[in-house]
């Protein structure tokens, strides 16, 4: 694919489940249409908010197939294919390429703590196993502190032609800026922290993969478009609303339950999170409703 299409707002879609915890792929088209109607630039199947950590390989393939069918070529579809072992990441990546994914997002291994040379070898082997674009994914808070350094990322960008970018969820704009400086022009850096979209764009990021873009995709698209138009006051004002939402969600319920509950309030039901996480109770749901109204949603 033309990697210039990898830009803007890419929601990591929630994965719909029935009440008994089984997949509900029939609910995926409505979710895809909801975010596409807001003007997002891509969609991400089986990411973190999509509970990839709780899905089997077969379930991931079912979700990806459903997202690809729903998107129907209108925007790029990114697939999350990271795993603890290189062997499993390679298998998931090949399966996603075979299914028709436009690009891959590969999180660093977790539970184990590879050194930078081991991370380099891991990503290089995954990239060499497929022909479609690959974005590395660094999220230290979810992987026991494992992170890709700017130097390692620059090595990968230089040596692996299809490693074309990164989703950086480290939360450190200075380090993200170092990644941008270290890598060649055109390398696609996405910020993975909802509250940092405006700042990341100022440093040269091309967009965001942000979990609350499931709920308020129009606010994210608004920041991106206002920034592109040079309207920094509007971009900052919209960013403030996003930040209020994102920073309030952890106080309402356990991740990833608030986003799934919020989608139900917005008329796009995707069911509960997979256990051990509980769905929101009535009091939590009402707090979430009030928060969504505070940021401009009619719920």
Protein backbone atom coordinates (compact mmCIF):
# COMPACT_ATOMS: atom_id res chain seq x y z
CA UNK A 1 0.00 0.00 0.00
CA UNK A 2 0.96 3.65 -0.33
CA UNK A 3 2.27 4.36 3.17
CA UNK A 4 1.24 8.02 2.89
CA UNK A 5 -2.28 6.69 3.60
CA UNK A 6 -1.07 5.74 7.08
CA UNK A 7 -1.92 8.97 8.80
CA UNK A 8 -4.49 10.74 10.91
CA UNK A 9 -6.92 9.10 13.29
CA UNK A 10 -6.97 5.31 13.56
CA UNK A 11 -9.27 3.95 16.30
CA UNK A 12 -8.21 0.65 17.86
CA UNK A 13 -11.65 -0.88 17.58
CA UNK A 14 -13.33 -2.52 20.54
CA UNK A 15 -14.02 -6.21 19.96
CA UNK A 16 -17.74 -7.03 20.32
CA UNK A 17 -18.65 -9.91 22.62
CA UNK A 18 -21.90 -11.52 23.67
CA UNK A 19 -22.86 -11.60 27.34
CA UNK A 20 -21.32 -15.06 27.67
CA UNK A 21 -17.96 -13.77 26.45
CA UNK A 22 -18.07 -15.28 22.95
CA UNK A 23 -17.35 -13.23 19.83
CA UNK A 24 -20.10 -11.17 18.26
CA UNK A 25 -18.66 -10.30 14.87
CA UNK A 26 -22.12 -9.26 13.70
CA UNK A 27 -21.73 -6.06 15.74
CA UNK A 28 -18.53 -5.02 13.98
CA UNK A 29 -20.10 -3.31 10.91
CA UNK A 30 -22.03 -0.81 13.05
CA UNK A 31 -18.89 0.12 14.97
CA UNK A 32 -16.89 0.56 11.78
CA UNK A 33 -19.62 2.75 10.29
CA UNK A 34 -19.78 4.85 13.46
CA UNK A 35 -16.10 5.80 13.34
CA UNK A 36 -15.95 6.13 9.54
CA UNK A 37 -18.87 8.57 9.64
CA UNK A 38 -16.69 10.85 11.76
CA UNK A 39 -13.97 10.89 9.10
CA UNK A 40 -11.30 8.67 10.64
CA UNK A 41 -8.42 7.72 8.37
CA UNK A 42 -8.12 4.02 9.19
CA UNK A 43 -9.23 1.33 11.62
CA UNK A 44 -7.21 -1.03 13.79
CA UNK A 45 -8.41 -4.58 14.49
CA UNK A 46 -7.23 -6.63 17.49
CA UNK A 47 -5.33 -3.88 19.21
CA UNK A 48 -5.13 -3.25 22.93
CA UNK A 49 -8.63 -1.77 23.28
CA UNK A 50 -9.73 -4.65 21.07
CA UNK A 51 -8.69 -7.03 23.86
CA UNK A 52 -6.10 -8.76 21.70
CA UNK A 53 -4.52 -10.01 24.92
CA UNK A 54 -7.69 -12.02 25.58
CA UNK A 55 -8.33 -13.44 22.09
CA UNK A 56 -7.18 -16.70 20.58
CA UNK A 57 -5.44 -16.73 17.20
CA UNK A 58 -8.65 -18.00 15.57
CA UNK A 59 -10.72 -15.26 17.21
CA UNK A 60 -8.26 -12.63 16.00
CA UNK A 61 -8.66 -13.91 12.45
CA UNK A 62 -12.46 -13.80 12.74
CA UNK A 63 -12.37 -10.22 14.01
CA UNK A 64 -9.96 -9.13 11.27
CA UNK A 65 -12.05 -10.76 8.57
CA UNK A 66 -15.15 -8.94 9.83
CA UNK A 67 -13.38 -5.57 10.05
CA UNK A 68 -11.96 -5.96 6.54
CA UNK A 69 -15.39 -6.78 5.17
CA UNK A 70 -16.98 -3.83 6.95
CA UNK A 71 -14.30 -1.34 5.88
CA UNK A 72 -14.49 -2.67 2.30
CA UNK A 73 -11.37 -0.85 1.16
CA UNK A 74 -12.55 2.61 2.21
CA UNK A 75 -9.69 3.11 4.68
CA UNK A 76 -6.57 1.12 5.55
CA UNK A 77 -7.09 -1.71 8.04
CA UNK A 78 -4.28 -2.29 10.52
CA UNK A 79 -4.02 -5.61 12.36
CA UNK A 80 -2.38 -6.17 15.72
CA UNK A 81 -0.09 -9.19 15.47
CA UNK A 82 2.28 -8.90 18.42
CA UNK A 83 3.07 -11.85 20.70
CA UNK A 84 5.46 -12.85 23.44
CA UNK A 85 7.51 -15.09 21.13
CA UNK A 86 8.93 -14.27 17.74
CA UNK A 87 7.51 -17.52 16.35
CA UNK A 88 3.96 -16.60 17.37
CA UNK A 89 4.30 -13.01 16.13
CA UNK A 90 5.47 -14.31 12.75
CA UNK A 91 2.52 -16.73 12.54
CA UNK A 92 -0.02 -14.04 13.46
CA UNK A 93 1.55 -11.60 11.00
CA UNK A 94 1.47 -14.07 8.12
CA UNK A 95 -2.15 -14.91 8.90
CA UNK A 96 -3.13 -11.23 8.92
CA UNK A 97 -1.36 -10.61 5.62
CA UNK A 98 -3.15 -13.62 4.13
CA UNK A 99 -6.48 -12.26 5.36
CA UNK A 100 -5.90 -8.99 3.53
CA UNK A 101 -4.71 -6.57 6.22
CA UNK A 102 -3.15 -3.43 4.77
CA UNK A 103 -0.51 -3.14 7.47
CA UNK A 104 0.50 -4.63 10.81
CA UNK A 105 1.09 -3.27 14.30
CA UNK A 106 3.46 -5.45 16.31
CA UNK A 107 3.75 -4.77 20.02
CA UNK A 108 7.00 -5.55 21.79
CA UNK A 109 7.08 -8.88 23.63
CA UNK A 110 5.68 -8.76 27.15
CA UNK A 111 6.19 -10.75 30.37
CA UNK A 112 9.79 -11.33 29.23
CA UNK A 113 12.18 -8.36 29.07
CA UNK A 114 14.30 -8.58 25.90
CA UNK A 115 17.42 -6.47 25.47
CA UNK A 116 17.52 -4.00 22.58
CA UNK A 117 19.50 -6.39 20.34
CA UNK A 118 16.89 -9.06 21.01
CA UNK A 119 14.10 -6.62 20.17
CA UNK A 120 15.89 -5.69 16.96
CA UNK A 121 16.15 -9.35 15.93
CA UNK A 122 12.51 -9.97 16.88
CA UNK A 123 11.12 -7.15 14.74
CA UNK A 124 13.50 -7.84 11.87
CA UNK A 125 12.36 -11.46 11.70
CA UNK A 126 8.68 -10.52 11.81
CA UNK A 127 9.16 -7.92 9.07
CA UNK A 128 11.05 -10.36 6.85
CA UNK A 129 8.18 -12.87 7.13
CA UNK A 130 5.66 -10.55 5.41
CA UNK A 131 5.60 -8.12 2.52
CA UNK A 132 3.09 -5.57 3.83
CA UNK A 133 4.04 -2.51 5.93
CA UNK A 134 4.83 -3.09 9.61
CA UNK A 135 4.58 -0.60 12.45
CA UNK A 136 6.40 -1.39 15.66
CA UNK A 137 4.40 -0.76 18.82
CA UNK A 138 6.03 0.37 22.05
CA UNK A 139 3.82 0.48 25.15
CA UNK A 140 6.04 0.14 28.24
CA UNK A 141 3.25 0.52 30.79
CA UNK A 142 1.51 -2.58 29.38
CA UNK A 143 4.61 -4.69 28.71
CA UNK A 144 6.50 -4.60 31.99
CA UNK A 145 8.63 -1.66 30.93
CA UNK A 146 9.80 -3.10 27.59
CA UNK A 147 10.42 -0.24 25.17
CA UNK A 148 12.02 0.36 21.81
CA UNK A 149 14.71 3.02 21.99
CA UNK A 150 15.13 5.58 19.22
CA UNK A 151 18.47 3.98 18.27
CA UNK A 152 16.94 0.51 17.90
CA UNK A 153 14.04 1.91 15.93
CA UNK A 154 16.44 3.75 13.62
CA UNK A 155 18.34 0.48 12.99
CA UNK A 156 15.11 -1.27 12.09
CA UNK A 157 14.01 1.57 9.82
CA UNK A 158 17.36 1.46 8.01
CA UNK A 159 17.61 -2.31 7.68
CA UNK A 160 14.00 -3.43 7.16
CA UNK A 161 12.28 -1.66 4.24
CA UNK A 162 8.76 -2.62 5.34
CA UNK A 163 9.13 -1.35 8.91
CA UNK A 164 7.61 2.00 8.07
CA UNK A 165 6.57 3.44 11.42
CA UNK A 166 5.75 3.04 15.07
CA UNK A 167 2.88 3.46 17.48
CA UNK A 168 4.56 5.03 20.49
CA UNK A 169 2.51 4.76 23.68
CA UNK A 170 5.37 5.61 26.01
CA UNK A 171 3.90 8.99 26.90
CA UNK A 172 7.21 10.86 26.59
CA UNK A 173 7.04 13.47 23.84
CA UNK A 174 10.78 14.13 24.08
CA UNK A 175 11.51 10.46 23.33
CA UNK A 176 8.95 10.44 20.54
CA UNK A 177 10.64 13.48 19.04
CA UNK A 178 13.96 11.62 19.26
CA UNK A 179 12.40 8.75 17.32
CA UNK A 180 11.30 11.14 14.59
CA UNK A 181 14.78 12.66 14.37
CA UNK A 182 16.49 9.27 14.35
CA UNK A 183 14.39 7.76 11.56
CA UNK A 184 14.32 8.67 7.87
CA UNK A 185 11.91 11.25 6.42
CA UNK A 186 8.48 9.75 5.86
CA UNK A 187 8.72 7.32 8.78
CA UNK A 188 5.19 7.13 10.21
CA UNK A 189 5.13 7.95 13.93
CA UNK A 190 1.74 7.63 15.64
CA UNK A 191 1.25 8.70 19.22
CA UNK A 192 -0.60 6.16 21.35
CA UNK A 193 -1.66 8.51 24.13
CA UNK A 194 -4.99 10.21 23.52
CA UNK A 195 -4.04 13.25 25.59
CA UNK A 196 -0.90 13.93 23.53
CA UNK A 197 -2.29 14.16 19.99
CA UNK A 198 -1.88 17.92 19.62
CA UNK A 199 1.60 17.94 21.12
CA UNK A 200 2.67 14.97 19.02
CA UNK A 201 1.51 16.67 15.82
CA UNK A 202 3.61 19.69 16.79
CA UNK A 203 6.66 17.43 17.01
CA UNK A 204 5.99 15.80 13.64
CA UNK A 205 3.84 12.74 14.36
CA UNK A 206 1.45 11.77 11.57
CA UNK A 207 -1.53 10.90 13.78
CA UNK A 208 -2.75 8.74 16.62
CA UNK A 209 -4.03 5.30 17.47
CA UNK A 210 -6.15 6.23 20.48
CA UNK A 211 -8.65 4.12 22.41
CA UNK A 212 -11.14 6.91 23.13
CA UNK A 213 -11.39 7.54 19.39
CA UNK A 214 -13.95 4.72 19.60
CA UNK A 215 -16.16 7.11 21.57
CA UNK A 216 -15.41 10.58 20.22
CA UNK A 217 -13.85 10.08 16.79
CA UNK A 218 -15.11 13.48 15.67
CA UNK A 219 -13.04 15.25 18.34
CA UNK A 220 -9.87 13.50 17.21
CA UNK A 221 -10.56 14.22 13.56
CA UNK A 222 -11.25 17.81 14.59
CA UNK A 223 -7.85 18.17 16.26
CA UNK A 224 -6.10 16.66 13.26
CA UNK A 225 -7.91 18.84 10.73
CA UNK A 226 -7.62 22.04 12.78
CA UNK A 227 -3.89 21.46 13.22
CA UNK A 228 -3.49 20.89 9.48
CA UNK A 229 -5.35 24.13 8.80
CA UNK A 230 -3.17 26.07 11.20
CA UNK A 231 -6.03 26.68 13.65
CA UNK A 232 -4.09 25.91 16.79
CA UNK A 233 -6.61 27.47 19.15
CA UNK A 234 -9.34 25.12 17.94
CA UNK A 235 -6.98 22.15 17.96
CA UNK A 236 -6.03 22.83 21.59
CA UNK A 237 -9.64 23.35 22.64
CA UNK A 238 -10.70 20.02 21.14
CA UNK A 239 -7.64 18.35 22.66
CA UNK A 240 -8.74 19.60 26.09
CA UNK A 241 -12.05 17.78 25.70
CA UNK A 242 -10.31 14.59 24.64
CA UNK A 243 -7.92 14.84 27.56
CA UNK A 244 -10.75 15.31 30.04
CA UNK A 245 -12.43 12.17 28.72
CA UNK A 246 -9.32 10.02 28.57
CA UNK A 247 -7.95 11.00 31.96
CA UNK A 248 -11.35 10.37 33.61
CA UNK A 249 -11.97 6.88 32.20
CA UNK A 250 -9.65 4.96 34.59
CA UNK A 251 -11.52 6.37 37.58
CA UNK A 252 -14.80 4.99 36.28
CA UNK A 253 -13.94 1.34 35.70
CA UNK A 254 -11.26 -1.16 34.82
CA UNK A 255 -9.73 -1.05 31.35
CA UNK A 256 -11.16 -1.82 28.80
CA UNK A 257 -14.70 -1.70 30.27
CA UNK A 258 -15.41 2.08 30.09
CA UNK A 259 -15.01 2.33 26.30
CA UNK A 260 -17.28 -0.66 25.76
CA UNK A 261 -19.90 0.79 28.11
CA UNK A 262 -19.60 4.18 26.42
CA UNK A 263 -20.26 2.66 23.01
CA UNK A 264 -23.46 1.12 24.37
CA UNK A 265 -24.55 4.54 25.63
CA UNK A 266 -23.85 5.94 22.17
CA UNK A 267 -26.05 3.35 20.51
CA UNK A 268 -23.22 1.16 19.23
CA UNK A 269 -23.36 -1.80 21.64
CA UNK A 270 -20.34 -4.11 21.69
CA UNK A 271 -21.09 -6.13 24.80
CA UNK A 272 -19.00 -6.60 27.94
CA UNK A 273 -15.26 -6.96 28.36
CA UNK A 274 -13.89 -10.46 28.64
CA UNK A 275 -13.45 -11.67 32.22
CA UNK A 276 -11.77 -11.16 34.64
CA UNK A 277 -12.80 -7.55 33.91
CA UNK A 278 -16.35 -6.72 34.97
CA UNK A 279 -18.71 -4.53 32.96
CA UNK A 280 -19.60 -1.20 34.55
CA UNK A 281 -22.29 -1.20 37.21
CA UNK A 282 -25.21 1.22 37.15
CA UNK A 283 -23.47 3.93 39.18
CA UNK A 284 -20.35 3.75 37.04
CA UNK A 285 -22.45 3.88 33.88
CA UNK A 286 -24.16 7.05 35.05
CA UNK A 287 -20.80 8.66 35.80
CA UNK A 288 -19.69 7.76 32.30
CA UNK A 289 -22.89 9.18 30.82
CA UNK A 290 -22.26 12.48 32.60
CA UNK A 291 -18.67 12.55 31.35
CA UNK A 292 -19.71 11.91 27.76
CA UNK A 293 -22.23 14.74 28.01
CA UNK A 294 -19.51 17.00 29.43
CA UNK A 295 -17.38 16.47 26.32
CA UNK A 296 -20.31 17.08 24.00
CA UNK A 297 -21.98 13.73 23.32
CA UNK A 298 -25.78 13.43 23.32
CA UNK A 299 -26.37 10.41 25.53
